[in-house]
PDB file of N, CA and C in Angstrom:
ATOM      1  N   UNK A   1       6.501 107.675 184.673  1.00  0.00           N
ATOM      2  CA  UNK A   1       5.063 107.602 184.823  1.00  0.00           C
ATOM      3  C   UNK A   1       4.128 106.871 185.370  1.00  0.00           C
ATOM      4  N   UNK A   2       3.757 107.469 186.275  1.00  0.00           N
ATOM      5  CA  UNK A   2       2.694 107.044 187.636  1.00  0.00           C
ATOM      6  C   UNK A   2       1.397 106.859 187.101  1.00  0.00           C
ATOM      7  N   UNK A   3       0.049 105.928 187.349  1.00  0.00           N
ATOM      8  CA  UNK A   3      -0.776 106.362 187.301  1.00  0.00           C
ATOM      9  C   UNK A   3      -1.685 106.037 188.606  1.00  0.00           C
ATOM     10  N   UNK A   4      -2.391 107.568 188.666  1.00  0.00           N
ATOM     11  CA  UNK A   4      -3.407 106.970 189.510  1.00  0.00           C
ATOM     12  C   UNK A   4      -5.003 107.150 189.080  1.00  0.00           C
ATOM     13  N   UNK A   5      -5.745 106.704 190.072  1.00  0.00           N
ATOM     14  CA  UNK A   5      -6.776 106.133 189.577  1.00  0.00           C
ATOM     15  C   UNK A   5      -7.799 106.902 190.662  1.00  0.00           C
ATOM     16  N   UNK A   6      -8.695 107.981 189.843  1.00  0.00           N
ATOM     17  CA  UNK A   6      -9.639 108.404 190.722  1.00  0.00           C
ATOM     18  C   UNK A   6     -10.258 107.739 191.495  1.00  0.00           C
ATOM     19  N   UNK A   7     -10.675 107.679 192.682  1.00  0.00           N
ATOM     20  CA  UNK A   7     -12.065 107.574 194.217  1.00  0.00           C
ATOM     21  C   UNK A   7     -13.219 106.942 192.062  1.00  0.00           C
ATOM     22  N   UNK A   8     -13.614 107.306 191.859  1.00  0.00           N
ATOM     23  CA  UNK A   8     -14.834 107.202 190.705  1.00  0.00           C
ATOM     24  C   UNK A   8     -14.298 105.830 190.154  1.00  0.00           C
ATOM     25  N   UNK A   9     -13.458 106.298 189.863  1.00  0.00           N
ATOM     26  CA  UNK A   9     -12.493 105.153 188.705  1.00  0.00           C
ATOM     27  C   UNK A   9     -12.480 103.529 189.789  1.00  0.00           C
ATOM     28  N   UNK A  10     -12.615 103.816 190.821  1.00  0.00           N
ATOM     29  CA  UNK A  10     -11.865 102.289 191.766  1.00  0.00           C
ATOM     30  C   UNK A  10     -13.284 102.434 191.930  1.00  0.00           C
ATOM     31  N   UNK A  11     -14.548 102.693 192.556  1.00  0.00           N
ATOM     32  CA  UNK A  11     -15.840 102.572 191.957  1.00  0.00           C
ATOM     33  C   UNK A  11     -16.492 102.271 191.377  1.00  0.00           C
ATOM     34  N   UNK A  12     -16.329 102.451 190.093  1.00  0.00           N
ATOM     35  CA  UNK A  12     -17.177 102.335 188.886  1.00  0.00           C
ATOM     36  C   UNK A  12     -16.076 100.900 188.708  1.00  0.00           C
ATOM     37  N   UNK A  13     -14.563 100.543 188.653  1.00  0.00           N
ATOM     38  CA  UNK A  13     -14.305  99.169 189.078  1.00  0.00           C
ATOM     39  C   UNK A  13     -15.189  97.641 189.623  1.00  0.00           C
ATOM     40  N   UNK A  14     -15.648  98.197 190.565  1.00  0.00           N
ATOM     41  CA  UNK A  14     -15.524  97.600 192.233  1.00  0.00           C
ATOM     42  C   UNK A  14     -17.534  97.314 191.338  1.00  0.00           C
ATOM     43  N   UNK A  15     -18.159  98.139 190.814  1.00  0.00           N
ATOM     44  CA  UNK A  15     -19.658  97.768 190.341  1.00  0.00           C
ATOM     45  C   UNK A  15     -19.581  97.060 189.116  1.00  0.00           C
ATOM     46  N   UNK A  16     -17.841  97.457 188.094  1.00  0.00           N
ATOM     47  CA  UNK A  16     -18.049  96.348 186.690  1.00  0.00           C
ATOM     48  C   UNK A  16     -17.896  95.248 187.570  1.00  0.00           C
ATOM     49  N   UNK A  17     -17.228  95.358 188.781  1.00  0.00           N
ATOM     50  CA  UNK A  17     -17.427  93.745 189.006  1.00  0.00           C
ATOM     51  C   UNK A  17     -18.454  92.734 189.539  1.00  0.00           C
ATOM     52  N   UNK A  18     -19.403  93.593 190.105  1.00  0.00           N
ATOM     53  CA  UNK A  18     -20.075  92.517 191.338  1.00  0.00           C
ATOM     54  C   UNK A  18     -20.900  92.130 190.015  1.00  0.00           C
ATOM     55  N   UNK A  19     -21.312  93.510 188.730  1.00  0.00           N
ATOM     56  CA  UNK A  19     -22.554  92.869 188.245  1.00  0.00           C
ATOM     57  C   UNK A  19     -22.004  92.319 187.599  1.00  0.00           C
ATOM     58  N   UNK A  20     -20.840  91.545 186.769  1.00  0.00           N
ATOM     59  CA  UNK A  20     -20.589  90.822 186.237  1.00  0.00           C
ATOM     60  C   UNK A  20     -20.728  89.398 187.401  1.00  0.00           C
ATOM     61  N   UNK A  21     -20.147  89.195 188.481  1.00  0.00           N
ATOM     62  CA  UNK A  21     -19.783  87.999 188.744  1.00  0.00           C
ATOM     63  C   UNK A  21     -21.132  88.062 189.376  1.00  0.00           C
ATOM     64  N   UNK A  22     -22.344  88.637 189.240  1.00  0.00           N
ATOM     65  CA  UNK A  22     -23.639  87.939 189.091  1.00  0.00           C
ATOM     66  C   UNK A  22     -23.825  86.716 188.580  1.00  0.00           C
ATOM     67  N   UNK A  23     -23.326  86.489 187.053  1.00  0.00           N
ATOM     68  CA  UNK A  23     -23.523  85.474 186.303  1.00  0.00           C
ATOM     69  C   UNK A  23     -22.585  84.266 186.530  1.00  0.00           C
ATOM     70  N   UNK A  24     -20.795  85.089 186.707  1.00  0.00           N
ATOM     71  CA  UNK A  24     -19.848  84.736 185.961  1.00  0.00           C
ATOM     72  C   UNK A  24     -18.532  85.538 186.885  1.00  0.00           C
ATOM     73  N   UNK A  25     -18.447  84.586 188.069  1.00  0.00           N
ATOM     74  CA  UNK A  25     -17.578  84.754 189.361  1.00  0.00           C
ATOM     75  C   UNK A  25     -16.161  84.958 188.867  1.00  0.00           C
ATOM     76  N   UNK A  26     -15.426  83.838 187.833  1.00  0.00           N
ATOM     77  CA  UNK A  26     -13.977  83.793 187.679  1.00  0.00           C
ATOM     78  C   UNK A  26     -14.196  84.694 187.066  1.00  0.00           C
ATOM     79  N   UNK A  27     -15.365  84.743 185.559  1.00  0.00           N
ATOM     80  CA  UNK A  27     -14.744  86.097 184.071  1.00  0.00           C
ATOM     81  C   UNK A  27     -14.956  87.611 184.480  1.00  0.00           C
ATOM     82  N   UNK A  28     -15.703  87.626 186.119  1.00  0.00           N
ATOM     83  CA  UNK A  28     -15.345  88.824 186.604  1.00  0.00           C
ATOM     84  C   UNK A  28     -14.408  89.634 187.134  1.00  0.00           C
ATOM     85  N   UNK A  29     -13.525  88.634 188.249  1.00  0.00           N
ATOM     86  CA  UNK A  29     -11.958  88.253 188.164  1.00  0.00           C
ATOM     87  C   UNK A  29     -11.476  89.294 186.961  1.00  0.00           C
ATOM     88  N   UNK A  30     -11.906  87.993 186.272  1.00  0.00           N
ATOM     89  CA  UNK A  30     -10.215  88.119 184.640  1.00  0.00           C
ATOM     90  C   UNK A  30     -10.573  89.772 184.440  1.00  0.00           C
ATOM     91  N   UNK A  31     -11.714  89.829 184.063  1.00  0.00           N
ATOM     92  CA  UNK A  31     -12.029  90.876 183.035  1.00  0.00           C
ATOM     93  C   UNK A  31     -11.864  92.736 184.113  1.00  0.00           C
ATOM     94  N   UNK A  32     -11.648  92.697 185.538  1.00  0.00           N
ATOM     95  CA  UNK A  32     -11.587  93.906 186.069  1.00  0.00           C
ATOM     96  C   UNK A  32      -9.567  93.487 185.559  1.00  0.00           C
ATOM     97  N   UNK A  33      -9.467  92.478 186.357  1.00  0.00           N
ATOM     98  CA  UNK A  33      -7.737  92.195 185.757  1.00  0.00           C
ATOM     99  C   UNK A  33      -7.410  92.816 184.136  1.00  0.00           C
ATOM    100  N   UNK A  34      -7.718  92.430 183.590  1.00  0.00           N
ATOM    101  CA  UNK A  34      -8.056  93.207 182.205  1.00  0.00           C
ATOM    102  C   UNK A  34      -7.715  94.510 181.275  1.00  0.00           C
ATOM    103  N   UNK A  35      -8.598  94.950 182.726  1.00  0.00           N
ATOM    104  CA  UNK A  35      -9.030  96.649 182.361  1.00  0.00           C
ATOM    105  C   UNK A  35      -7.539  97.340 182.996  1.00  0.00           C
ATOM    106  N   UNK A  36      -7.910  96.549 184.633  1.00  0.00           N
ATOM    107  CA  UNK A  36      -6.704  97.445 185.296  1.00  0.00           C
ATOM    108  C   UNK A  36      -4.972  97.034 184.249  1.00  0.00           C
ATOM    109  N   UNK A  37      -4.642  95.663 183.342  1.00  0.00           N
ATOM    110  CA  UNK A  37      -3.780  95.348 183.141  1.00  0.00           C
ATOM    111  C   UNK A  37      -3.673  96.475 181.569  1.00  0.00           C
ATOM    112  N   UNK A  38      -4.809  97.189 180.966  1.00  0.00           N
ATOM    113  CA  UNK A  38      -4.364  98.465 180.099  1.00  0.00           C
ATOM    114  C   UNK A  38      -4.021  99.456 180.494  1.00  0.00           C
ATOM    115  N   UNK A  39      -4.830 100.158 181.691  1.00  0.00           N
ATOM    116  CA  UNK A  39      -4.247 100.999 182.037  1.00  0.00           C
ATOM    117  C   UNK A  39      -3.002 100.792 182.296  1.00  0.00           C
ATOM    118  N   UNK A  40      -2.255  99.905 183.089  1.00  0.00           N
ATOM    119  CA  UNK A  40      -0.844 100.245 183.353  1.00  0.00           C
ATOM    120  C   UNK A  40      -0.174  99.710 181.961  1.00  0.00           C
ATOM    121  N   UNK A  41      -0.818  99.148 181.195  1.00  0.00           N
ATOM    122  CA  UNK A  41       0.078  99.809 179.950  1.00  0.00           C
ATOM    123  C   UNK A  41       0.432 101.126 179.056  1.00  0.00           C
ATOM    124  N   UNK A  42      -0.752 102.107 180.053  1.00  0.00           N
ATOM    125  CA  UNK A  42       0.289 103.558 179.174  1.00  0.00           C
ATOM    126  C   UNK A  42       1.132 103.747 180.207  1.00  0.00           C
ATOM    127  N   UNK A  43       2.072 102.923 181.205  1.00  0.00           N
ATOM    128  CA  UNK A  43       2.993 104.110 181.807  1.00  0.00           C
ATOM    129  C   UNK A  43       4.120 103.720 180.099  1.00  0.00           C
ATOM    130  N   UNK A  44       4.625 102.430 179.863  1.00  0.00           N
ATOM    131  CA  UNK A  44       4.822 102.585 178.373  1.00  0.00           C
ATOM    132  C   UNK A  44       5.122 103.194 177.393  1.00  0.00           C
ATOM    133  N   UNK A  45       3.205 103.300 177.078  1.00  0.00           N
ATOM    134  CA  UNK A  45       2.579 103.756 176.100  1.00  0.00           C
ATOM    135  C   UNK A  45       1.910 105.193 175.780  1.00  0.00           C
ATOM    136  N   UNK A  46       2.206 106.122 176.874  1.00  0.00           N
ATOM    137  CA  UNK A  46       1.291 107.237 177.194  1.00  0.00           C
ATOM    138  C   UNK A  46       0.743 107.607 176.038  1.00  0.00           C
ATOM    139  N   UNK A  47       0.685 107.969 175.039  1.00  0.00           N
ATOM    140  CA  UNK A  47      -0.521 108.307 173.957  1.00  0.00           C
ATOM    141  C   UNK A  47      -1.222 107.385 172.803  1.00  0.00           C
ATOM    142  N   UNK A  48      -1.700 105.768 174.064  1.00  0.00           N
ATOM    143  CA  UNK A  48      -2.118 105.053 173.471  1.00  0.00           C
ATOM    144  C   UNK A  48      -3.871 105.767 173.340  1.00  0.00           C
ATOM    145  N   UNK A  49      -4.336 104.734 172.559  1.00  0.00           N
ATOM    146  CA  UNK A  49      -6.062 105.059 172.741  1.00  0.00           C
ATOM    147  C   UNK A  49      -5.759 106.473 172.088  1.00  0.00           C
ATOM    148  N   UNK A  50      -7.641 106.344 171.506  1.00  0.00           N
ATOM    149  CA  UNK A  50      -7.595 107.835 170.783  1.00  0.00           C
ATOM    150  C   UNK A  50      -8.218 108.754 171.801  1.00  0.00           C
ATOM    151  N   UNK A  51      -7.743 110.309 171.291  1.00  0.00           N
ATOM    152  CA  UNK A  51      -8.641 111.421 171.790  1.00  0.00           C
ATOM    153  C   UNK A  51     -10.000 111.786 171.814  1.00  0.00           C
ATOM    154  N   UNK A  52     -11.032 111.639 173.270  1.00  0.00           N
ATOM    155  CA  UNK A  52     -12.626 111.651 173.803  1.00  0.00           C
ATOM    156  C   UNK A  52     -12.248 112.211 172.575  1.00  0.00           C
ATOM    157  N   UNK A  53     -13.470 112.103 172.207  1.00  0.00           N
ATOM    158  CA  UNK A  53     -13.669 112.808 170.864  1.00  0.00           C
ATOM    159  C   UNK A  53     -14.563 114.231 171.478  1.00  0.00           C
ATOM    160  N   UNK A  54     -15.861 114.346 172.163  1.00  0.00           N
ATOM    161  CA  UNK A  54     -16.496 115.026 172.538  1.00  0.00           C
ATOM    162  C   UNK A  54     -15.338 116.356 173.758  1.00  0.00           C
ATOM    163  N   UNK A  55     -14.180 115.884 174.158  1.00  0.00           N
ATOM    164  CA  UNK A  55     -13.569 116.949 174.724  1.00  0.00           C
ATOM    165  C   UNK A  55     -12.097 117.028 173.472  1.00  0.00           C
ATOM    166  N   UNK A  56     -11.633 116.953 172.933  1.00  0.00           N
ATOM    167  CA  UNK A  56     -10.749 116.752 172.382  1.00  0.00           C
ATOM    168  C   UNK A  56      -9.311 117.388 172.176  1.00  0.00           C
ATOM    169  N   UNK A  57      -8.807 116.867 173.622  1.00  0.00           N
ATOM    170  CA  UNK A  57      -7.995 117.759 173.672  1.00  0.00           C
ATOM    171  C   UNK A  57      -6.719 116.546 174.153  1.00  0.00           C
ATOM    172  N   UNK A  58      -5.630 116.275 173.440  1.00  0.00           N
ATOM    173  CA  UNK A  58      -5.115 115.390 173.532  1.00  0.00           C
ATOM    174  C   UNK A  58      -4.382 114.615 174.633  1.00  0.00           C
ATOM    175  N   UNK A  59      -4.497 115.095 175.619  1.00  0.00           N
ATOM    176  CA  UNK A  59      -4.030 114.841 176.532  1.00  0.00           C
ATOM    177  C   UNK A  59      -5.047 114.296 177.369  1.00  0.00           C
ATOM    178  N   UNK A  60      -6.083 114.219 176.488  1.00  0.00           N
ATOM    179  CA  UNK A  60      -7.482 113.249 177.245  1.00  0.00           C
ATOM    180  C   UNK A  60      -7.724 111.968 176.387  1.00  0.00           C
ATOM    181  N   UNK A  61      -7.072 110.842 176.825  1.00  0.00           N
ATOM    182  CA  UNK A  61      -7.778 110.047 175.468  1.00  0.00           C
ATOM    183  C   UNK A  61      -8.308 108.627 175.694  1.00  0.00           C
ATOM    184  N   UNK A  62      -8.918 107.768 175.714  1.00  0.00           N
ATOM    185  CA  UNK A  62      -9.591 106.693 175.870  1.00  0.00           C
ATOM    186  C   UNK A  62      -9.287 105.609 175.894  1.00  0.00           C
ATOM    187  N   UNK A  63      -9.565 104.274 176.362  1.00  0.00           N
ATOM    188  CA  UNK A  63      -9.549 102.829 175.816  1.00  0.00           C
ATOM    189  C   UNK A  63     -10.946 102.651 176.135  1.00  0.00           C
ATOM    190  N   UNK A  64     -10.858 101.333 174.598  1.00  0.00           N
ATOM    191  CA  UNK A  64     -11.729 101.078 174.673  1.00  0.00           C
ATOM    192  C   UNK A  64     -12.061  99.675 174.874  1.00  0.00           C
ATOM    193  N   UNK A  65     -13.018  99.436 175.756  1.00  0.00           N
ATOM    194  CA  UNK A  65     -12.541  97.259 176.862  1.00  0.00           C
ATOM    195  C   UNK A  65     -13.927  97.017 176.394  1.00  0.00           C
ATOM    196  N   UNK A  66     -13.994  95.804 175.680  1.00  0.00           N
ATOM    197  CA  UNK A  66     -15.875  95.416 175.394  1.00  0.00           C
ATOM    198  C   UNK A  66     -16.593  96.913 175.294  1.00  0.00           C
ATOM    199  N   UNK A  67     -17.482  97.175 176.582  1.00  0.00           N
ATOM    200  CA  UNK A  67     -18.369  98.027 176.577  1.00  0.00           C
ATOM    201  C   UNK A  67     -18.236  98.919 177.301  1.00  0.00           C
ATOM    202  N   UNK A  68     -17.180  99.268 177.469  1.00  0.00           N
ATOM    203  CA  UNK A  68     -16.915  99.870 178.118  1.00  0.00           C
ATOM    204  C   UNK A  68     -15.395 100.996 178.211  1.00  0.00           C
ATOM    205  N   UNK A  69     -15.914 101.906 178.861  1.00  0.00           N
ATOM    206  CA  UNK A  69     -14.959 103.048 178.119  1.00  0.00           C
ATOM    207  C   UNK A  69     -13.549 104.456 179.351  1.00  0.00           C
ATOM    208  N   UNK A  70     -12.232 103.382 178.866  1.00  0.00           N
ATOM    209  CA  UNK A  70     -11.866 103.868 180.295  1.00  0.00           C
ATOM    210  C   UNK A  70     -10.979 105.690 180.026  1.00  0.00           C
ATOM    211  N   UNK A  71     -11.316 107.032 180.629  1.00  0.00           N
ATOM    212  CA  UNK A  71     -10.888 107.951 180.597  1.00  0.00           C
ATOM    213  C   UNK A  71      -9.167 107.888 180.841  1.00  0.00           C
ATOM    214  N   UNK A  72      -8.829 109.208 180.764  1.00  0.00           N
ATOM    215  CA  UNK A  72      -7.205 108.575 180.715  1.00  0.00           C
ATOM    216  C   UNK A  72      -7.331 110.074 180.764  1.00  0.00           C
ATOM    217  N   UNK A  73      -6.154 110.848 182.587  1.00  0.00           N
ATOM    218  CA  UNK A  73      -5.806 112.344 181.524  1.00  0.00           C
ATOM    219  C   UNK A  73      -3.935 112.054 181.736  1.00  0.00           C
ATOM    220  N   UNK A  74      -3.070 112.553 180.748  1.00  0.00           N
ATOM    221  CA  UNK A  74      -2.267 112.472 180.910  1.00  0.00           C
ATOM    222  C   UNK A  74      -1.572 114.222 181.299  1.00  0.00           C
ATOM    223  N   UNK A  75      -0.452 114.130 182.555  1.00  0.00           N
ATOM    224  CA  UNK A  75      -0.673 115.006 183.170  1.00  0.00           C
ATOM    225  C   UNK A  75       1.345 115.239 183.481  1.00  0.00           C
ATOM    226  N   UNK A  76       2.039 116.691 182.921  1.00  0.00           N
ATOM    227  CA  UNK A  76       3.238 116.506 183.473  1.00  0.00           C
ATOM    228  C   UNK A  76       3.834 115.767 184.584  1.00  0.00           C
ATOM    229  N   UNK A  77       4.991 115.522 184.400  1.00  0.00           N
ATOM    230  CA  UNK A  77       5.222 114.612 185.768  1.00  0.00           C
ATOM    231  C   UNK A  77       6.158 116.115 186.309  1.00  0.00           C
ATOM    232  N   UNK A  78       5.640 115.963 187.787  1.00  0.00           N
ATOM    233  CA  UNK A  78       6.966 117.465 188.404  1.00  0.00           C
ATOM    234  C   UNK A  78       7.882 116.854 189.207  1.00  0.00           C
ATOM    235  N   UNK A  79       8.507 117.919 188.836  1.00  0.00           N
ATOM    236  CA  UNK A  79       9.809 117.431 189.089  1.00  0.00           C
ATOM    237  C   UNK A  79      10.206 118.132 190.626  1.00  0.00           C
ATOM    238  N   UNK A  80      11.489 117.212 191.331  1.00  0.00           N
ATOM    239  CA  UNK A  80      11.821 117.468 192.751  1.00  0.00           C
ATOM    240  C   UNK A  80      12.627 118.364 192.618  1.00  0.00           C
ATOM    241  N   UNK A  81      12.647 119.412 193.184  1.00  0.00           N
ATOM    242  CA  UNK A  81      13.552 120.519 193.677  1.00  0.00           C
ATOM    243  C   UNK A  81      14.626 120.433 194.882  1.00  0.00           C
TER     244      UNK A  81
END
């Protein structure tokens, strides 16, 4: 399984880091690292998290970290022919 970040997700991470860094630069880096690690853990546990309630599709899940919600969509792997 591979992880693909959307452009919006990358921008959101930058904004989160910038916001936290105003008061705590080192905490900002550490927090964004923890968010990325939570997403990387999905490689081994793709069913982790709960189904997003307002969507209700089992392939769309969310991980909650602090006040942030990471929404992920599991897509079947493409096979090389």
